[in-house]
Amino acid sequence: MTKALTALLLLTFAAAAVHPAVPFERLLTAGSDGNWLTYSGSYRSERYLPLDQINRKTVSGLKVLWAYQMQPTDIAGAGLQETTPLVVDGIMYLTESPSSVSALDARTGRLLWHWAPELPEDVLHIGFPKVNRGVAILDDTLYVGTLDARLFALDAGTGAVRWETRVADNSVGFSLTLAPLALDGQIIVGVSGAEAGVRAFVDSYDAKTGERLWRTYTVPAPGEPGSETWGGDSWQTGGGSTWLTGSFDPDLNLLYWMTGNPAPDWNGDLRPGDNLYTCSILALDPASGEMRWHFQFTPHDTHDWDANQIPILVDGTFDGRTRKLVAVANRNAFYYLLDRETGEFLLGTPYSKQTWAAGLDGEGRPILLPDREPTEEGTLVWPSLQGAINWFSPAFNPETGRFFIPNRRMGAIYFKADAEYEPGQPFLGGGEQALSGDDASGAVLAVDVMTGKQLWEFPLKAPPWSGVMATAGGLVFGSSLEGMFFALDEETGQSLWNFNTGAHIRTNPMGFAVDGRQRVAITGGNTLFVFGLE
């Protein structure tokens, strides 16, 4: 059976002919009914499950209820899984690397249908593995991006293709590895590719037709606001990837999207200036893509500290005033609170070892320490290019105000080198040698969301490549790189339960309810495990 026909597996399973109903109005309340309808659980991106059947007292009874083995692929190097499944009314939708989609019965794990696009043998993936992090759903349609930079709309009941559109040119380095974000009548995507010297952007597409509605570049052209922060023609190859799913505030009608490193990564001489809008958070009007405000975490980044981390929307009292906030645990090892209406910097404090800045000034700009730039001989700096956190998700419990961070603790020796742009080739300007062994470790941290003050830490032997999830049962689920899935007491950080998946874990935990029973899921290696109390 060819890839083009794999969706015909649906004919084998009558149960696949289920058409979910997920209108935009339902997405507005995602996270409240036991389903998992968006990449981060809700538009606020809290990765919080408001269910408490599995709690401090009952978690010791968790066991594997079913497991699903990912479908084989003939795409070389596509063995890493970083997907977060969606669950809609008893059906689970997940992506499998590099770019395929499967629908499962969430009660049993039975495969309902599987769809895989045709990908070129020479598909580019410069600076990132051949992965896919998930789908979006709107009404009865799934949306998935592919490694060769296409966006597909699939019938959620059958896997049949409704439309496809070319987002960008993979031959020069563009790719889609993120889970799209569905809004009212539109699908938002961002691109990978900064390590190939692309000029990145955020796109909106019509959910029914695939027509592009708007495009917002993260590197401004001459004459546009921010263009003065790029020297010469460096803006044309400036990077600024947008490769992770953003957040959305329907009341403010603002879309929050994070941006990656400038290019070339480690040689800043070729791009003098702050290099806006790389390593930033952008607040965009979802109707037009117009930028309402921005905040840059690491101006003129020379350590590959993408700001592509999940922004979590928080409401609360800060400094005696009720505010709408956005909280970010940044790759550069600082925790930030911003006013999400205006972008005003409110708080910034280190949450992990860092040796590059003396702190942040009153505007949130880093106060740089001397002699921390990459050199030909090499410069030792914390954190490594992989950051104090990376693409994987933090979590937030809105009931307790605790913010949970999967923390990487690793330094690196940074090197600088010449770089010459060639389309479709690495455009790096140096490299790094990360410290490993006894010089590297990890932890799950709990911090107070309003102060950034650490409340506890759960140490890990190695830096993690997976996220965390908080629940109403007073638990934080997380995992270690070597394959241990665990539940912590969110008040103390004490380990209450664990399970060895037997393989590296590079995914975020998620949860859902089916037939009124709570479930928790994680992927170890190429196997998805679903846990419950019965």
Protein backbone atom coordinates (compact mmCIF):
# COMPACT_ATOMS: atom_id res chain seq x y z
CA MET A 1 0.00 0.00 0.00
CA THR A 2 1.46 3.40 -0.98
CA LYS A 3 1.54 6.40 1.28
CA ALA A 4 -1.10 8.06 -0.84
CA LEU A 5 -3.49 5.22 0.00
CA THR A 6 -2.75 4.86 3.70
CA ALA A 7 -5.83 6.90 4.59
CA LEU A 8 -7.89 4.06 3.10
CA LEU A 9 -7.29 2.22 6.35
CA LEU A 10 -10.44 4.04 7.41
CA LEU A 11 -12.51 1.60 5.33
CA THR A 12 -11.49 -1.15 7.73
CA PHE A 13 -12.89 0.61 10.75
CA ALA A 14 -16.53 1.63 10.80
CA ALA A 15 -15.85 3.46 14.06
CA ALA A 16 -13.73 5.96 12.14
CA ALA A 17 -16.81 7.54 10.61
CA VAL A 18 -17.15 9.86 13.59
CA HIS A 19 -17.34 13.58 12.86
CA PRO A 20 -16.45 15.65 15.90
CA ALA A 21 -17.92 19.08 16.41
CA VAL A 22 -15.34 21.58 17.64
CA PRO A 23 -16.52 25.05 16.65
CA PHE A 24 -14.54 28.09 17.71
CA GLU A 25 -16.96 28.65 20.59
CA ARG A 26 -15.97 25.29 22.01
CA LEU A 27 -12.27 26.12 21.70
CA LEU A 28 -12.90 29.21 23.81
CA THR A 29 -13.77 26.92 26.75
CA ALA A 30 -11.16 24.24 25.98
CA GLY A 31 -9.87 22.51 29.08
CA SER A 32 -13.16 22.60 30.95
CA ASP A 33 -14.89 19.40 29.80
CA GLY A 34 -12.31 16.63 30.00
CA ASN A 35 -11.25 16.90 26.36
CA TRP A 36 -7.84 18.18 25.20
CA LEU A 37 -8.66 20.43 22.24
CA THR A 38 -5.49 22.45 21.63
CA TYR A 39 -1.77 21.80 21.73
CA SER A 40 -1.35 23.29 25.22
CA GLY A 41 -4.81 22.31 26.50
CA SER A 42 -6.37 25.75 26.10
CA TYR A 43 -5.74 29.12 24.48
CA ARG A 44 -4.09 30.22 27.74
CA SER A 45 -1.47 27.46 27.26
CA GLU A 46 -1.48 26.51 30.94
CA ARG A 47 -1.11 22.77 30.23
CA TYR A 48 -3.43 22.31 33.19
CA LEU A 49 -5.94 19.46 33.49
CA PRO A 50 -8.90 20.47 35.71
CA LEU A 51 -9.66 16.88 36.77
CA ASP A 52 -8.98 15.36 40.19
CA GLN A 53 -9.88 11.66 40.08
CA ILE A 54 -6.15 11.05 39.89
CA ASN A 55 -4.82 12.88 42.94
CA ARG A 56 -2.29 12.61 45.75
CA LYS A 57 -4.21 9.76 47.36
CA THR A 58 -5.06 7.75 44.26
CA VAL A 59 -2.06 8.29 41.99
CA SER A 60 -0.26 5.23 43.37
CA GLY A 61 -2.92 3.11 41.65
CA LEU A 62 -2.09 4.36 38.13
CA LYS A 63 -1.38 1.65 35.58
CA VAL A 64 -1.05 1.34 31.82
CA LEU A 65 -4.49 0.84 30.26
CA TRP A 66 -3.31 0.68 26.67
CA ALA A 67 -0.29 1.44 24.52
CA TYR A 68 0.00 2.39 20.87
CA GLN A 69 3.06 1.69 18.75
CA MET A 70 3.75 4.40 16.16
CA GLN A 71 3.43 3.35 12.53
CA PRO A 72 6.67 2.48 10.70
CA THR A 73 8.11 5.00 8.25
CA ASP A 74 10.67 4.73 5.50
CA ILE A 75 11.86 8.30 6.07
CA ALA A 76 15.40 8.03 7.42
CA GLY A 77 16.02 9.78 10.73
CA ALA A 78 12.33 10.16 11.65
CA GLY A 79 12.44 8.17 14.88
CA LEU A 80 11.90 10.97 17.44
CA GLN A 81 8.35 11.64 18.68
CA GLU A 82 7.44 15.06 20.11
CA THR A 83 3.67 15.06 19.61
CA THR A 84 0.97 16.20 22.00
CA PRO A 85 -2.25 14.36 21.12
CA LEU A 86 -5.67 15.97 21.02
CA VAL A 87 -8.70 14.14 22.43
CA VAL A 88 -12.18 14.99 21.22
CA ASP A 89 -15.22 13.07 22.48
CA GLY A 90 -13.45 9.73 22.77
CA ILE A 91 -11.22 10.06 19.68
CA MET A 92 -7.49 10.79 19.98
CA TYR A 93 -5.60 12.54 17.18
CA LEU A 94 -1.83 12.56 17.15
CA THR A 95 1.01 13.16 14.75
CA GLU A 96 3.82 10.71 14.14
CA SER A 97 7.19 11.85 12.89
CA PRO A 98 7.97 13.11 10.42
CA SER A 99 4.50 14.42 9.39
CA SER A 100 1.75 11.76 9.52
CA VAL A 101 -1.52 11.77 11.47
CA SER A 102 -3.30 8.92 13.28
CA ALA A 103 -6.76 8.71 14.83
CA LEU A 104 -7.24 6.29 17.74
CA ASP A 105 -10.11 5.13 19.89
CA ALA A 106 -9.23 6.90 23.15
CA ARG A 107 -10.82 4.07 25.16
CA THR A 108 -8.70 1.26 23.74
CA GLY A 109 -5.95 2.68 21.52
CA ARG A 110 -7.38 0.96 18.46
CA LEU A 111 -6.19 2.57 15.22
CA LEU A 112 -9.09 4.14 13.32
CA TRP A 113 -7.19 5.69 10.45
CA HIS A 114 -3.69 6.78 9.50
CA TRP A 115 -2.64 9.40 6.95
CA ALA A 116 0.88 10.07 5.70
CA PRO A 117 1.87 12.67 3.09
CA GLU A 118 4.33 12.02 0.31
CA LEU A 119 7.62 13.65 1.29
CA PRO A 120 10.65 14.15 -0.94
CA GLU A 121 13.65 11.98 -0.17
CA ASP A 122 15.85 15.06 0.10
CA VAL A 123 13.55 16.98 2.48
CA LEU A 124 15.60 19.57 4.39
CA HIS A 125 15.67 19.82 8.18
CA ILE A 126 18.59 22.10 9.00
CA GLY A 127 18.94 22.76 12.73
CA PHE A 128 16.13 20.51 13.95
CA PRO A 129 15.19 16.81 13.86
CA LYS A 130 12.48 15.28 11.64
CA VAL A 131 9.64 15.79 14.09
CA ASN A 132 6.06 17.03 14.28
CA ARG A 133 4.43 18.29 17.47
CA GLY A 134 0.73 17.93 16.75
CA VAL A 135 -2.47 18.92 15.00
CA ALA A 136 -5.14 21.57 15.43
CA ILE A 137 -8.88 20.95 15.14
CA LEU A 138 -11.68 23.30 14.12
CA ASP A 139 -15.25 22.15 13.46
CA ASP A 140 -14.76 18.71 11.87
CA THR A 141 -11.35 19.35 10.29
CA LEU A 142 -7.81 18.60 11.43
CA TYR A 143 -4.85 20.75 10.39
CA VAL A 144 -1.26 19.55 10.20
CA GLY A 145 2.00 21.02 8.93
CA THR A 146 4.60 18.91 7.16
CA LEU A 147 8.37 18.75 7.17
CA ASP A 148 8.47 20.06 3.59
CA ALA A 149 6.53 23.22 4.59
CA ARG A 150 2.99 22.37 3.49
CA LEU A 151 -0.25 22.79 5.46
CA PHE A 152 -2.99 20.15 5.11
CA ALA A 153 -6.64 20.10 6.12
CA LEU A 154 -7.97 16.58 6.84
CA ASP A 155 -11.46 15.29 7.46
CA ALA A 156 -11.38 14.44 11.17
CA GLY A 157 -13.67 11.47 10.69
CA THR A 158 -11.83 9.79 7.82
CA GLY A 159 -8.42 11.36 7.27
CA ALA A 160 -9.33 12.40 3.72
CA VAL A 161 -7.52 15.50 2.44
CA ARG A 162 -9.78 18.53 2.07
CA TRP A 163 -7.10 20.93 0.91
CA GLU A 164 -3.38 21.53 0.99
CA THR A 165 -1.30 24.65 0.54
CA ARG A 166 2.39 25.38 0.15
CA VAL A 167 3.48 27.61 3.05
CA ALA A 168 7.13 28.08 2.04
CA ASP A 169 10.02 26.64 0.04
CA ASN A 170 11.65 23.70 1.78
CA SER A 171 14.61 23.77 -0.62
CA VAL A 172 15.93 26.91 1.08
CA GLY A 173 15.34 25.56 4.60
CA PHE A 174 11.72 26.28 5.56
CA SER A 175 9.78 23.58 7.41
CA LEU A 176 6.70 23.14 9.61
CA THR A 177 7.26 21.20 12.83
CA LEU A 178 4.75 22.91 15.13
CA ALA A 179 1.14 22.17 15.98
CA PRO A 180 -1.02 24.81 14.24
CA LEU A 181 -3.36 27.00 16.28
CA ALA A 182 -7.03 27.19 15.24
CA LEU A 183 -8.92 30.47 15.75
CA ASP A 184 -12.27 31.68 14.42
CA GLY A 185 -12.20 30.65 10.76
CA GLN A 186 -8.44 30.71 10.49
CA ILE A 187 -5.39 28.54 11.11
CA ILE A 188 -2.16 30.08 12.41
CA VAL A 189 1.24 28.53 11.67
CA GLY A 190 4.89 29.46 12.02
CA VAL A 191 8.04 28.13 10.40
CA SER A 192 11.33 26.49 11.29
CA GLY A 193 14.52 27.27 9.40
CA ALA A 194 16.63 30.04 11.01
CA GLU A 195 19.73 27.82 10.91
CA ALA A 196 19.44 27.93 7.11
CA GLY A 197 19.23 31.74 7.05
CA VAL A 198 15.55 32.08 6.18
CA ARG A 199 13.54 35.23 6.85
CA ALA A 200 10.79 33.82 9.04
CA PHE A 201 7.14 34.75 9.53
CA VAL A 202 3.78 33.93 11.13
CA ASP A 203 0.97 33.04 8.71
CA SER A 204 -2.83 32.89 8.87
CA TYR A 205 -4.86 30.67 6.49
CA ASP A 206 -8.57 30.46 5.80
CA ALA A 207 -9.77 27.31 7.57
CA LYS A 208 -12.20 26.38 4.78
CA THR A 209 -10.11 27.04 1.69
CA GLY A 210 -6.43 27.20 2.65
CA GLU A 211 -6.11 30.71 1.21
CA ARG A 212 -3.47 32.78 2.98
CA LEU A 213 -5.07 35.66 4.88
CA TRP A 214 -1.97 37.46 6.13
CA ARG A 215 1.76 37.09 6.75
CA THR A 216 3.80 38.89 9.42
CA TYR A 217 7.56 38.74 9.02
CA THR A 218 9.67 38.54 12.15
CA VAL A 219 12.56 40.36 10.46
CA PRO A 220 11.52 43.79 9.10
CA ALA A 221 12.48 44.98 5.63
CA PRO A 222 14.14 48.38 5.11
CA GLY A 223 11.78 51.22 6.02
CA GLU A 224 9.63 49.09 8.31
CA PRO A 225 9.64 49.58 12.11
CA GLY A 226 12.64 47.78 13.59
CA SER A 227 14.61 47.67 10.35
CA GLU A 228 17.19 50.02 11.86
CA THR A 229 18.27 47.16 14.15
CA TRP A 230 19.77 45.26 11.20
CA GLY A 231 23.00 46.31 9.53
CA GLY A 232 23.28 46.32 5.74
CA ASP A 233 21.41 43.51 3.98
CA SER A 234 21.57 41.14 6.97
CA TRP A 235 17.78 41.29 7.35
CA GLN A 236 17.35 39.19 4.21
CA THR A 237 18.82 36.12 5.98
CA GLY A 238 17.92 37.17 9.52
CA GLY A 239 16.24 34.02 10.87
CA GLY A 240 13.64 34.57 13.58
CA SER A 241 11.89 31.19 13.31
CA THR A 242 8.35 30.88 14.69
CA TRP A 243 8.39 27.12 15.23
CA LEU A 244 6.25 26.69 18.34
CA THR A 245 2.52 27.16 18.97
CA GLY A 246 1.39 30.48 20.43
CA SER A 247 -1.37 31.56 22.83
CA PHE A 248 -4.53 33.62 22.37
CA ASP A 249 -6.56 36.03 24.52
CA PRO A 250 -10.08 36.29 23.07
CA ASP A 251 -11.04 39.17 25.38
CA LEU A 252 -8.12 41.35 24.26
CA ASN A 253 -8.27 39.76 20.80
CA LEU A 254 -4.50 39.33 20.79
CA LEU A 255 -2.40 36.45 19.52
CA TYR A 256 0.93 35.85 21.28
CA TRP A 257 3.70 34.27 19.23
CA MET A 258 7.33 33.64 20.11
CA THR A 259 10.31 34.06 17.80
CA GLY A 260 13.68 32.37 17.48
CA ASN A 261 17.32 33.27 17.06
CA PRO A 262 18.83 35.60 14.47
CA ALA A 263 21.02 34.17 11.72
CA PRO A 264 23.82 33.39 11.59
CA ASP A 265 23.56 31.96 15.07
CA TRP A 266 26.94 32.67 16.64
CA ASN A 267 28.61 35.34 14.52
CA GLY A 268 26.89 38.61 15.36
CA ASP A 269 29.40 40.69 13.41
CA LEU A 270 27.44 39.95 10.24
CA ARG A 271 24.22 41.45 11.65
CA PRO A 272 25.03 44.49 13.86
CA GLY A 273 22.20 45.80 16.01
CA ASP A 274 19.51 44.36 18.29
CA ASN A 275 18.09 42.28 15.40
CA LEU A 276 14.37 42.82 15.98
CA TYR A 277 12.08 40.93 16.17
CA THR A 278 14.15 37.83 16.92
CA CYS A 279 14.19 36.26 20.41
CA SER A 280 10.95 38.11 21.15
CA ILE A 281 7.29 37.74 21.98
CA LEU A 282 4.93 39.37 19.47
CA ALA A 283 1.37 40.46 20.24
CA LEU A 284 -0.53 40.28 16.94
CA ASP A 285 -4.00 41.29 15.79
CA PRO A 286 -5.43 37.96 14.57
CA ALA A 287 -7.58 39.70 11.95
CA SER A 288 -4.67 41.37 10.16
CA GLY A 289 -1.40 40.12 11.63
CA GLU A 290 -0.56 43.69 12.67
CA MET A 291 1.96 43.81 15.51
CA ARG A 292 0.43 45.60 18.51
CA TRP A 293 3.50 45.28 20.71
CA HIS A 294 6.69 43.28 21.13
CA PHE A 295 9.22 42.50 23.82
CA GLN A 296 12.73 41.26 23.03
CA PHE A 297 14.26 38.92 25.62
CA THR A 298 17.78 38.62 24.19
CA PRO A 299 18.82 41.50 21.91
CA HIS A 300 21.52 40.62 19.36
CA ASP A 301 21.52 37.00 20.46
CA THR A 302 24.81 35.17 19.77
CA HIS A 303 24.13 31.98 21.77
CA ASP A 304 21.13 30.52 19.89
CA TRP A 305 18.74 31.30 22.73
CA ASP A 306 15.48 31.12 20.81
CA ALA A 307 12.53 32.65 22.60
CA ASN A 308 10.40 29.83 21.21
CA GLN A 309 8.96 28.81 24.54
CA ILE A 310 5.28 28.53 25.41
CA PRO A 311 3.83 31.84 26.69
CA ILE A 312 1.31 31.23 29.50
CA LEU A 313 -1.51 33.71 30.07
CA VAL A 314 -2.10 34.60 33.71
CA ASP A 315 -4.57 36.90 35.48
CA GLY A 316 -3.82 38.18 38.95
CA THR A 317 -2.61 40.91 41.25
CA PHE A 318 0.88 42.21 40.63
CA ASP A 319 2.30 45.00 42.79
CA GLY A 320 -1.16 45.74 44.17
CA ARG A 321 -2.85 46.02 40.80
CA THR A 322 -5.05 43.54 38.97
CA ARG A 323 -3.44 42.79 35.61
CA LYS A 324 -3.61 40.56 32.58
CA LEU A 325 -0.15 38.98 32.35
CA VAL A 326 1.93 36.67 30.23
CA ALA A 327 4.56 34.50 31.93
CA VAL A 328 7.58 33.08 30.12
CA ALA A 329 10.38 30.81 31.31
CA ASN A 330 12.91 31.79 28.67
CA ARG A 331 15.66 29.74 27.10
CA ASN A 332 18.18 32.37 28.29
CA ALA A 333 17.58 31.23 31.95
CA PHE A 334 15.42 34.20 33.01
CA TYR A 335 11.77 34.07 34.07
CA TYR A 336 9.64 37.01 32.86
CA LEU A 337 6.28 38.57 33.63
CA LEU A 338 4.87 41.05 31.11
CA ASP A 339 1.63 42.99 30.93
CA ARG A 340 -0.11 41.25 28.03
CA GLU A 341 -2.22 44.29 27.15
CA THR A 342 0.77 46.58 26.61
CA GLY A 343 3.93 44.46 26.65
CA GLU A 344 5.24 46.36 29.68
CA PHE A 345 8.09 44.56 31.44
CA LEU A 346 7.15 43.84 35.05
CA LEU A 347 9.52 41.18 36.37
CA GLY A 348 12.59 39.26 35.34
CA THR A 349 14.66 36.93 37.47
CA PRO A 350 17.01 33.98 36.84
CA TYR A 351 15.54 30.54 37.46
CA SER A 352 18.61 28.55 36.39
CA LYS A 353 22.38 28.93 36.34
CA GLN A 354 23.43 31.64 33.90
CA THR A 355 26.77 33.41 33.46
CA TRP A 356 26.07 35.89 30.66
CA ALA A 357 24.16 38.74 32.37
CA ALA A 358 24.47 40.67 35.64
CA GLY A 359 20.68 40.98 35.62
CA LEU A 360 17.98 42.91 33.77
CA ASP A 361 17.48 46.67 33.79
CA GLY A 362 14.18 48.43 34.46
CA GLU A 363 13.03 47.84 30.89
CA GLY A 364 13.92 44.15 30.95
CA ARG A 365 17.04 44.54 28.85
CA PRO A 366 19.91 42.27 29.92
CA ILE A 367 22.94 43.86 31.59
CA LEU A 368 25.67 41.99 29.75
CA LEU A 369 28.78 40.67 31.45
CA PRO A 370 32.08 41.18 29.61
CA ASP A 371 33.84 38.49 27.59
CA ARG A 372 30.82 36.24 27.12
CA GLU A 373 30.65 36.35 23.32
CA PRO A 374 31.64 33.34 21.19
CA THR A 375 35.29 33.42 20.08
CA GLU A 376 37.48 31.41 17.76
CA GLU A 377 39.10 29.84 20.82
CA GLY A 378 35.78 29.21 22.57
CA THR A 379 33.97 30.85 25.51
CA LEU A 380 32.31 28.92 28.34
CA VAL A 381 28.82 30.22 29.15
CA TRP A 382 25.69 28.93 30.91
CA PRO A 383 23.19 27.96 29.65
CA SER A 384 24.09 25.92 26.58
CA LEU A 385 22.50 26.64 23.21
CA GLN A 386 19.78 24.16 24.22
CA GLY A 387 18.87 26.62 26.94
CA ALA A 388 17.58 26.40 30.48
CA ILE A 389 14.36 25.25 28.80
CA ASN A 390 13.66 24.50 25.17
CA TRP A 391 10.56 23.71 23.05
CA PHE A 392 8.87 21.52 25.68
CA SER A 393 6.11 23.00 27.81
CA PRO A 394 6.01 24.46 31.29
CA ALA A 395 2.71 24.30 33.19
CA PHE A 396 0.65 26.56 35.44
CA ASN A 397 -2.00 25.81 38.05
CA PRO A 398 -4.33 28.84 38.08
CA GLU A 399 -5.87 27.71 41.37
CA THR A 400 -2.58 27.77 43.33
CA GLY A 401 -0.45 30.23 41.36
CA ARG A 402 2.38 27.75 40.94
CA PHE A 403 4.36 27.76 37.70
CA PHE A 404 6.27 24.58 36.83
CA ILE A 405 9.42 24.51 34.69
CA PRO A 406 11.30 21.53 33.22
CA ASN A 407 14.83 22.86 33.64
CA ARG A 408 18.02 21.99 31.73
CA ARG A 409 21.27 22.76 33.57
CA MET A 410 24.10 22.66 31.09
CA GLY A 411 26.81 25.05 29.98
CA ALA A 412 28.65 25.13 26.67
CA ILE A 413 31.79 26.40 25.02
CA TYR A 414 30.70 28.73 22.22
CA PHE A 415 32.76 29.16 19.07
CA LYS A 416 32.67 31.86 16.43
CA ALA A 417 33.49 31.34 12.75
CA ASP A 418 32.99 32.94 9.36
CA ALA A 419 29.66 32.38 7.64
CA GLU A 420 28.62 32.84 4.04
CA TYR A 421 24.99 32.44 3.05
CA GLU A 422 24.14 29.74 0.52
CA PRO A 423 20.46 28.85 0.01
CA GLY A 424 19.52 25.51 1.55
CA GLN A 425 22.76 25.17 3.52
CA PRO A 426 23.57 25.71 7.23
CA PHE A 427 24.19 29.39 8.04
CA LEU A 428 25.64 29.22 11.54
CA GLY A 429 28.78 31.30 12.01
CA GLY A 430 30.26 28.97 14.60
CA GLY A 431 29.11 26.24 16.96
CA GLU A 432 29.18 24.98 20.53
CA GLN A 433 30.47 22.11 22.59
CA ALA A 434 28.01 21.35 25.37
CA LEU A 435 29.16 20.16 28.76
CA SER A 436 27.90 16.69 29.58
CA GLY A 437 28.28 13.95 32.17
CA ASP A 438 28.72 15.30 35.69
CA ASP A 439 28.66 18.86 34.33
CA ALA A 440 25.04 18.58 33.20
CA SER A 441 21.81 17.88 35.09
CA GLY A 442 18.17 18.82 35.20
CA ALA A 443 15.21 19.46 37.45
CA VAL A 444 11.52 20.20 37.61
CA LEU A 445 11.07 23.53 39.36
CA ALA A 446 8.06 25.16 41.00
CA VAL A 447 8.09 28.95 41.19
CA ASP A 448 5.58 31.52 42.38
CA VAL A 449 4.08 32.93 39.21
CA MET A 450 3.96 36.51 40.52
CA THR A 451 7.50 36.68 41.95
CA GLY A 452 9.52 33.99 40.18
CA LYS A 453 10.67 32.81 43.61
CA GLN A 454 11.55 29.11 43.65
CA LEU A 455 9.27 27.02 45.87
CA TRP A 456 10.87 23.60 45.34
CA GLU A 457 12.87 21.54 42.91
CA PHE A 458 12.85 17.88 41.93
CA PRO A 459 16.35 16.97 40.67
CA LEU A 460 16.96 14.92 37.53
CA LYS A 461 20.19 13.16 36.62
CA ALA A 462 20.19 14.49 33.06
CA PRO A 463 18.74 17.59 31.37
CA PRO A 464 15.16 16.80 30.29
CA TRP A 465 13.73 17.00 26.78
CA SER A 466 10.10 16.79 27.88
CA GLY A 467 7.49 19.02 29.43
CA VAL A 468 5.22 19.00 32.46
CA MET A 469 1.47 19.09 33.16
CA ALA A 470 -0.36 20.28 36.27
CA THR A 471 -3.72 18.89 37.42
CA ALA A 472 -6.55 19.77 39.80
CA GLY A 473 -5.58 16.66 41.76
CA GLY A 474 -2.55 18.50 43.19
CA LEU A 475 -0.10 16.72 40.86
CA VAL A 476 2.61 17.68 38.41
CA PHE A 477 3.41 15.07 35.77
CA GLY A 478 6.87 15.10 34.23
CA SER A 479 9.54 12.79 32.88
CA SER A 480 13.24 12.22 32.53
CA LEU A 481 15.23 11.83 29.35
CA GLU A 482 16.08 8.23 30.14
CA GLY A 483 12.40 7.26 30.17
CA MET A 484 10.94 7.64 33.68
CA PHE A 485 7.43 9.11 33.78
CA PHE A 486 6.50 10.45 37.22
CA ALA A 487 3.96 12.36 39.30
CA LEU A 488 5.03 14.93 41.89
CA ASP A 489 3.11 16.53 44.74
CA GLU A 490 2.66 20.09 43.49
CA GLU A 491 2.99 21.55 47.01
CA THR A 492 6.25 19.85 47.97
CA GLY A 493 7.81 18.36 44.85
CA GLN A 494 7.80 14.91 46.47
CA SER A 495 7.65 11.98 44.06
CA LEU A 496 4.40 10.03 44.49
CA TRP A 497 4.48 7.63 41.51
CA ASN A 498 6.64 6.64 38.57
CA PHE A 499 6.68 4.33 35.57
CA ASN A 500 9.64 3.32 33.40
CA THR A 501 8.68 3.55 29.72
CA GLY A 502 11.93 1.89 28.69
CA ALA A 503 12.80 4.57 26.12
CA HIS A 504 13.79 8.23 25.89
CA ILE A 505 10.93 10.66 26.47
CA ARG A 506 10.78 13.78 24.26
CA THR A 507 7.11 14.73 24.58
CA ASN A 508 4.79 16.71 26.83
CA PRO A 509 2.34 14.89 29.09
CA MET A 510 -1.36 15.50 28.50
CA GLY A 511 -4.62 14.27 29.99
CA PHE A 512 -8.28 13.77 29.26
CA ALA A 513 -11.41 11.97 30.39
CA VAL A 514 -13.30 9.26 28.56
CA ASP A 515 -16.60 7.85 29.85
CA GLY A 516 -16.09 9.98 32.95
CA ARG A 517 -12.72 8.43 33.77
CA GLN A 518 -9.52 10.46 33.92
CA ARG A 519 -6.53 9.47 31.80
CA VAL A 520 -2.91 10.65 31.49
CA ALA A 521 -0.71 10.07 28.44
CA ILE A 522 2.99 10.23 27.52
CA THR A 523 5.13 8.91 24.69
CA GLY A 524 8.30 6.97 25.44
CA GLY A 525 10.37 6.26 22.34
CA ASN A 526 7.84 5.30 19.64
CA THR A 527 5.15 4.09 22.04
CA LEU A 528 2.26 6.14 23.39
CA PHE A 529 1.22 5.03 26.89
CA VAL A 530 -2.19 5.87 28.38
CA PHE A 531 -2.63 5.51 32.13
CA GLY A 532 -5.67 5.33 34.38
CA LEU A 533 -6.91 4.00 37.69
CA GLU A 534 -8.86 1.13 36.14
